[in-house]
Amino acid sequence: MQIVVTLDCADTEAQADFWLGALAPLHYQRGFHGPPYLSLVGPTPAPTLLLHQVPEPKQGKNRMHLDLDFGTTDLLSEVNRLEQLGATRLSEELSEHGFHWIVVADPEGNEFCVFNPPNSNNAAQ
């Protein structure tokens, strides 16, 4: 089975630059490119991130979003790194059931979470 996550966007090239930087610890790279699509692939079994250029702008909150655990115990450092790539922080650190996360958005406003799972020795605990 293969999982492909499709992200609608206005500028696939700019979004590819952001997401390749954001996912750098996972060694993602450009894959298939045939307008209006551009794929970003990681090592198996990582899901493919398919960027799909669409004419309409993002409207409202994403109904589906990525939750990314970079394996770091310092959420703020990871979010700061993403902000340097063009992300926008949308929340302070939140927690529930032992999970800790910060909501951020990519340069086109698509929300995603950077999180630590329970028992990850989160520095904020």
N, C-alpha and C. Protein backbone atom coordinates (compact mmCIF):
# COMPACT_ATOMS: atom_id res chain seq x y z
N MET A 1 0.84 -1.18 0.00
CA MET A 1 0.00 0.00 0.00
C MET A 1 0.89 1.24 0.00
N GLN A 2 0.45 2.24 -0.71
CA GLN A 2 1.17 3.52 -0.76
C GLN A 2 0.23 4.62 -0.31
N ILE A 3 0.74 5.55 0.48
CA ILE A 3 -0.06 6.70 0.89
C ILE A 3 0.50 7.94 0.21
N VAL A 4 -0.39 8.67 -0.46
CA VAL A 4 -0.04 9.94 -1.09
C VAL A 4 -0.93 10.99 -0.46
N VAL A 5 -0.32 12.04 0.06
CA VAL A 5 -1.06 13.17 0.64
C VAL A 5 -0.98 14.29 -0.39
N THR A 6 -2.14 14.77 -0.85
CA THR A 6 -2.19 15.81 -1.87
C THR A 6 -2.49 17.15 -1.22
N LEU A 7 -1.70 18.14 -1.57
CA LEU A 7 -1.83 19.49 -1.02
C LEU A 7 -2.11 20.45 -2.17
N ASP A 8 -3.30 21.05 -2.18
CA ASP A 8 -3.61 22.06 -3.19
C ASP A 8 -2.79 23.31 -2.91
N CYS A 9 -2.29 23.95 -3.97
CA CYS A 9 -1.49 25.16 -3.79
C CYS A 9 -1.53 26.01 -5.05
N ALA A 10 -1.14 27.25 -4.89
CA ALA A 10 -1.10 28.18 -6.02
C ALA A 10 0.23 28.08 -6.77
N ASP A 11 1.32 27.87 -6.05
CA ASP A 11 2.66 27.86 -6.64
C ASP A 11 3.38 26.58 -6.21
N THR A 12 3.37 25.57 -7.06
CA THR A 12 3.97 24.29 -6.69
C THR A 12 5.47 24.40 -6.45
N GLU A 13 6.16 25.22 -7.22
CA GLU A 13 7.61 25.36 -7.05
C GLU A 13 7.96 25.98 -5.70
N ALA A 14 7.28 27.06 -5.33
CA ALA A 14 7.55 27.70 -4.04
C ALA A 14 7.19 26.77 -2.89
N GLN A 15 6.07 26.07 -3.02
CA GLN A 15 5.67 25.14 -1.98
C GLN A 15 6.66 23.97 -1.89
N ALA A 16 7.17 23.52 -3.03
CA ALA A 16 8.16 22.44 -3.02
C ALA A 16 9.41 22.89 -2.26
N ASP A 17 9.86 24.11 -2.51
CA ASP A 17 11.04 24.63 -1.80
C ASP A 17 10.79 24.63 -0.29
N PHE A 18 9.61 25.11 0.13
CA PHE A 18 9.30 25.14 1.56
C PHE A 18 9.26 23.73 2.13
N TRP A 19 8.49 22.84 1.53
CA TRP A 19 8.30 21.51 2.09
C TRP A 19 9.57 20.67 2.04
N LEU A 20 10.42 20.84 1.02
CA LEU A 20 11.69 20.12 1.01
C LEU A 20 12.56 20.57 2.18
N GLY A 21 12.55 21.87 2.48
CA GLY A 21 13.28 22.36 3.64
C GLY A 21 12.67 21.90 4.94
N ALA A 22 11.34 21.93 5.02
CA ALA A 22 10.65 21.51 6.24
C ALA A 22 10.86 20.04 6.52
N LEU A 23 10.85 19.22 5.48
CA LEU A 23 10.97 17.78 5.64
C LEU A 23 12.41 17.28 5.50
N ALA A 24 13.37 18.20 5.47
CA ALA A 24 14.78 17.85 5.26
C ALA A 24 15.28 16.73 6.17
N PRO A 25 14.88 16.71 7.44
CA PRO A 25 15.38 15.60 8.27
C PRO A 25 14.94 14.23 7.76
N LEU A 26 13.90 14.18 6.93
CA LEU A 26 13.39 12.92 6.41
C LEU A 26 13.95 12.60 5.02
N HIS A 27 14.82 13.46 4.49
CA HIS A 27 15.48 13.26 3.20
C HIS A 27 14.49 13.15 2.03
N TYR A 28 13.52 14.04 2.01
CA TYR A 28 12.59 14.10 0.87
C TYR A 28 13.31 14.71 -0.33
N GLN A 29 12.84 14.37 -1.54
CA GLN A 29 13.37 14.95 -2.76
C GLN A 29 12.27 15.06 -3.80
N ARG A 30 12.53 15.84 -4.83
CA ARG A 30 11.56 15.98 -5.90
C ARG A 30 11.41 14.66 -6.63
N GLY A 31 10.15 14.34 -6.97
CA GLY A 31 9.87 13.14 -7.74
C GLY A 31 9.21 13.54 -9.05
N PHE A 32 8.08 12.93 -9.35
CA PHE A 32 7.33 13.22 -10.58
C PHE A 32 6.98 14.70 -10.66
N HIS A 33 7.18 15.28 -11.83
CA HIS A 33 6.78 16.65 -12.08
C HIS A 33 6.15 16.73 -13.45
N GLY A 34 4.84 16.90 -13.45
CA GLY A 34 4.07 17.09 -14.67
C GLY A 34 2.92 18.00 -14.34
N PRO A 35 3.04 19.28 -14.71
CA PRO A 35 2.01 20.25 -14.33
C PRO A 35 0.61 19.69 -14.58
N PRO A 36 -0.28 19.90 -13.64
CA PRO A 36 -0.21 20.78 -12.46
C PRO A 36 0.29 20.08 -11.20
N TYR A 37 1.07 18.99 -11.32
CA TYR A 37 1.52 18.23 -10.16
C TYR A 37 3.03 18.29 -9.99
N LEU A 38 3.46 18.22 -8.74
CA LEU A 38 4.86 18.07 -8.40
C LEU A 38 4.90 17.22 -7.14
N SER A 39 5.60 16.09 -7.20
CA SER A 39 5.62 15.20 -6.04
C SER A 39 6.92 15.32 -5.27
N LEU A 40 6.81 15.14 -3.97
CA LEU A 40 7.95 15.10 -3.08
C LEU A 40 7.94 13.72 -2.44
N VAL A 41 9.02 12.99 -2.60
CA VAL A 41 9.07 11.61 -2.11
C VAL A 41 10.17 11.46 -1.07
N GLY A 42 9.85 10.64 -0.09
CA GLY A 42 10.81 10.35 0.97
C GLY A 42 11.18 8.88 0.91
N PRO A 43 12.00 8.46 1.84
CA PRO A 43 12.37 7.05 1.88
C PRO A 43 11.15 6.19 2.20
N THR A 44 11.07 5.02 1.60
CA THR A 44 9.97 4.11 1.88
C THR A 44 10.01 3.73 3.35
N PRO A 45 8.93 3.72 4.06
CA PRO A 45 7.53 3.80 3.66
C PRO A 45 6.93 5.18 3.85
N ALA A 46 7.71 6.25 3.82
CA ALA A 46 7.18 7.59 4.00
C ALA A 46 6.15 7.91 2.92
N PRO A 47 5.08 8.63 3.28
CA PRO A 47 4.09 8.99 2.26
C PRO A 47 4.66 10.01 1.28
N THR A 48 4.14 10.00 0.07
CA THR A 48 4.48 11.00 -0.93
C THR A 48 3.64 12.24 -0.66
N LEU A 49 4.23 13.41 -0.80
CA LEU A 49 3.50 14.67 -0.72
C LEU A 49 3.35 15.18 -2.15
N LEU A 50 2.11 15.18 -2.63
CA LEU A 50 1.82 15.59 -4.00
C LEU A 50 1.29 17.02 -3.98
N LEU A 51 2.02 17.93 -4.59
CA LEU A 51 1.59 19.32 -4.68
C LEU A 51 0.77 19.47 -5.96
N HIS A 52 -0.43 20.00 -5.82
CA HIS A 52 -1.37 20.13 -6.94
C HIS A 52 -1.71 21.60 -7.12
N GLN A 53 -1.29 22.17 -8.24
CA GLN A 53 -1.58 23.58 -8.50
C GLN A 53 -3.05 23.74 -8.87
N VAL A 54 -3.72 24.62 -8.12
CA VAL A 54 -5.13 24.91 -8.36
C VAL A 54 -5.31 26.42 -8.50
N PRO A 55 -6.33 26.88 -9.20
CA PRO A 55 -6.52 28.31 -9.41
C PRO A 55 -7.10 29.05 -8.21
N GLU A 56 -7.87 28.36 -7.38
CA GLU A 56 -8.55 29.05 -6.29
C GLU A 56 -7.65 29.11 -5.05
N PRO A 57 -7.76 30.19 -4.27
CA PRO A 57 -6.97 30.30 -3.03
C PRO A 57 -7.56 29.42 -1.94
N LYS A 58 -6.76 29.13 -0.93
CA LYS A 58 -7.22 28.37 0.23
C LYS A 58 -8.33 29.16 0.91
N GLN A 59 -9.35 28.44 1.35
CA GLN A 59 -10.46 29.06 2.06
C GLN A 59 -10.75 28.27 3.32
N GLY A 60 -10.72 28.92 4.47
CA GLY A 60 -11.08 28.26 5.72
C GLY A 60 -10.01 27.32 6.24
N LYS A 61 -10.38 26.62 7.29
CA LYS A 61 -9.48 25.69 7.97
C LYS A 61 -9.38 24.39 7.18
N ASN A 62 -8.16 23.83 7.13
CA ASN A 62 -7.98 22.53 6.49
C ASN A 62 -8.81 21.48 7.21
N ARG A 63 -9.49 20.63 6.47
CA ARG A 63 -10.23 19.51 7.06
C ARG A 63 -9.29 18.36 7.39
N MET A 64 -8.16 18.28 6.69
CA MET A 64 -7.14 17.28 6.97
C MET A 64 -5.82 18.04 7.03
N HIS A 65 -4.94 17.60 7.93
CA HIS A 65 -3.64 18.26 8.02
C HIS A 65 -2.58 17.26 8.43
N LEU A 66 -1.33 17.64 8.24
CA LEU A 66 -0.21 16.81 8.64
C LEU A 66 0.13 17.06 10.10
N ASP A 67 0.49 16.01 10.81
CA ASP A 67 1.08 16.10 12.15
C ASP A 67 2.49 15.56 12.00
N LEU A 68 3.48 16.39 12.29
CA LEU A 68 4.87 16.02 12.07
C LEU A 68 5.63 15.91 13.38
N ASP A 69 6.18 14.74 13.63
CA ASP A 69 7.05 14.50 14.78
C ASP A 69 8.46 14.38 14.24
N PHE A 70 9.28 15.41 14.46
CA PHE A 70 10.64 15.43 13.95
C PHE A 70 11.62 14.72 14.88
N GLY A 71 11.09 14.15 15.97
CA GLY A 71 11.96 13.44 16.88
C GLY A 71 12.80 14.34 17.76
N THR A 72 12.45 15.61 17.81
CA THR A 72 13.18 16.55 18.66
C THR A 72 12.42 16.74 19.96
N THR A 73 13.13 17.05 21.02
CA THR A 73 12.46 17.32 22.29
C THR A 73 12.18 18.80 22.45
N ASP A 74 12.59 19.63 21.50
CA ASP A 74 12.43 21.07 21.60
C ASP A 74 11.52 21.57 20.48
N LEU A 75 10.21 21.61 20.75
CA LEU A 75 9.25 22.05 19.74
C LEU A 75 9.53 23.46 19.26
N LEU A 76 9.87 24.36 20.17
CA LEU A 76 10.09 25.75 19.78
C LEU A 76 11.24 25.90 18.79
N SER A 77 12.31 25.16 18.98
CA SER A 77 13.43 25.23 18.03
C SER A 77 13.00 24.74 16.65
N GLU A 78 12.21 23.68 16.62
CA GLU A 78 11.75 23.16 15.34
C GLU A 78 10.81 24.15 14.66
N VAL A 79 9.91 24.75 15.43
CA VAL A 79 9.00 25.74 14.85
C VAL A 79 9.78 26.97 14.39
N ASN A 80 10.78 27.39 15.13
CA ASN A 80 11.62 28.52 14.70
C ASN A 80 12.31 28.20 13.38
N ARG A 81 12.79 26.97 13.23
CA ARG A 81 13.43 26.55 11.97
C ARG A 81 12.42 26.65 10.82
N LEU A 82 11.20 26.19 11.05
CA LEU A 82 10.16 26.24 10.02
C LEU A 82 9.78 27.68 9.69
N GLU A 83 9.75 28.54 10.71
CA GLU A 83 9.45 29.96 10.46
C GLU A 83 10.52 30.59 9.57
N GLN A 84 11.77 30.20 9.74
CA GLN A 84 12.84 30.72 8.90
C GLN A 84 12.67 30.28 7.44
N LEU A 85 11.98 29.16 7.24
CA LEU A 85 11.69 28.68 5.88
C LEU A 85 10.45 29.34 5.28
N GLY A 86 9.66 30.06 6.11
CA GLY A 86 8.47 30.74 5.61
C GLY A 86 7.18 30.35 6.28
N ALA A 87 7.23 29.45 7.27
CA ALA A 87 6.01 29.06 7.99
C ALA A 87 5.58 30.19 8.93
N THR A 88 4.33 30.12 9.35
CA THR A 88 3.77 31.07 10.31
C THR A 88 3.24 30.28 11.51
N ARG A 89 3.64 30.68 12.70
CA ARG A 89 3.15 30.04 13.91
C ARG A 89 1.71 30.50 14.15
N LEU A 90 0.80 29.56 14.37
CA LEU A 90 -0.61 29.89 14.58
C LEU A 90 -1.07 29.67 16.02
N SER A 91 -0.24 29.02 16.84
CA SER A 91 -0.64 28.79 18.23
C SER A 91 0.60 28.76 19.12
N GLU A 92 0.34 28.84 20.39
CA GLU A 92 1.37 28.55 21.37
C GLU A 92 1.39 27.04 21.55
N GLU A 93 2.26 26.54 22.41
CA GLU A 93 2.30 25.10 22.64
C GLU A 93 1.00 24.65 23.32
N LEU A 94 0.42 23.60 22.80
CA LEU A 94 -0.80 23.02 23.32
C LEU A 94 -0.49 21.61 23.80
N SER A 95 -1.32 21.08 24.68
CA SER A 95 -1.09 19.71 25.13
C SER A 95 -2.41 19.04 25.49
N GLU A 96 -2.43 17.72 25.27
CA GLU A 96 -3.60 16.91 25.60
C GLU A 96 -3.18 15.45 25.56
N HIS A 97 -3.57 14.69 26.58
CA HIS A 97 -3.30 13.26 26.66
C HIS A 97 -1.80 12.94 26.52
N GLY A 98 -0.95 13.84 26.98
CA GLY A 98 0.49 13.62 26.92
C GLY A 98 1.14 14.08 25.63
N PHE A 99 0.35 14.47 24.63
CA PHE A 99 0.89 15.02 23.40
C PHE A 99 1.12 16.51 23.59
N HIS A 100 2.17 17.04 22.97
CA HIS A 100 2.45 18.48 22.96
C HIS A 100 2.61 18.88 21.50
N TRP A 101 2.00 20.01 21.10
CA TRP A 101 2.09 20.42 19.71
C TRP A 101 1.95 21.93 19.57
N ILE A 102 2.42 22.41 18.42
CA ILE A 102 2.26 23.81 18.01
C ILE A 102 1.69 23.79 16.60
N VAL A 103 0.65 24.58 16.37
CA VAL A 103 0.04 24.67 15.05
C VAL A 103 0.77 25.75 14.25
N VAL A 104 1.16 25.39 13.04
CA VAL A 104 1.83 26.34 12.14
C VAL A 104 1.16 26.23 10.77
N ALA A 105 1.52 27.14 9.88
CA ALA A 105 0.99 27.11 8.51
C ALA A 105 2.15 27.26 7.54
N ASP A 106 2.04 26.61 6.39
CA ASP A 106 3.05 26.76 5.35
C ASP A 106 2.87 28.14 4.70
N PRO A 107 3.72 28.52 3.76
CA PRO A 107 3.63 29.87 3.17
C PRO A 107 2.29 30.19 2.49
N GLU A 108 1.51 29.18 2.11
CA GLU A 108 0.21 29.43 1.50
C GLU A 108 -0.94 29.28 2.50
N GLY A 109 -0.61 29.10 3.78
CA GLY A 109 -1.63 29.07 4.81
C GLY A 109 -2.17 27.70 5.18
N ASN A 110 -1.61 26.63 4.62
CA ASN A 110 -2.07 25.27 4.97
C ASN A 110 -1.55 24.90 6.35
N GLU A 111 -2.48 24.59 7.26
CA GLU A 111 -2.11 24.30 8.64
C GLU A 111 -1.51 22.91 8.77
N PHE A 112 -0.55 22.79 9.69
CA PHE A 112 -0.02 21.50 10.10
C PHE A 112 0.48 21.65 11.53
N CYS A 113 0.71 20.53 12.19
CA CYS A 113 1.15 20.55 13.59
C CYS A 113 2.53 19.93 13.71
N VAL A 114 3.34 20.53 14.55
CA VAL A 114 4.62 19.96 14.94
C VAL A 114 4.39 19.44 16.35
N PHE A 115 4.64 18.15 16.57
CA PHE A 115 4.24 17.58 17.85
C PHE A 115 5.30 16.66 18.45
N ASN A 116 5.14 16.45 19.74
CA ASN A 116 5.88 15.43 20.48
C ASN A 116 4.85 14.48 21.06
N PRO A 117 5.05 13.18 20.90
CA PRO A 117 4.14 12.20 21.49
C PRO A 117 4.39 12.06 23.00
N PRO A 118 3.48 11.39 23.69
CA PRO A 118 3.71 11.14 25.12
C PRO A 118 5.04 10.42 25.34
N ASN A 119 5.64 10.68 26.49
CA ASN A 119 6.89 10.04 26.88
C ASN A 119 8.06 10.36 25.95
N SER A 120 8.03 11.54 25.32
CA SER A 120 9.13 11.91 24.43
C SER A 120 10.17 12.76 25.16
N ASN A 121 10.03 12.90 26.47
CA ASN A 121 10.94 13.75 27.26
C ASN A 121 10.92 15.18 26.77
N ASN A 122 9.72 15.68 26.46
CA ASN A 122 9.53 17.05 26.00
C ASN A 122 10.14 18.01 27.01
N ALA A 123 10.94 18.95 26.51
CA ALA A 123 11.61 19.92 27.38
C ALA A 123 10.63 20.79 28.14
N ALA A 124 9.39 20.95 27.62
CA ALA A 124 8.40 21.81 28.26
C ALA A 124 7.65 21.09 29.39
N GLN A 125 7.82 19.75 29.51
CA GLN A 125 7.08 19.01 30.54
C GLN A 125 7.62 19.29 31.91
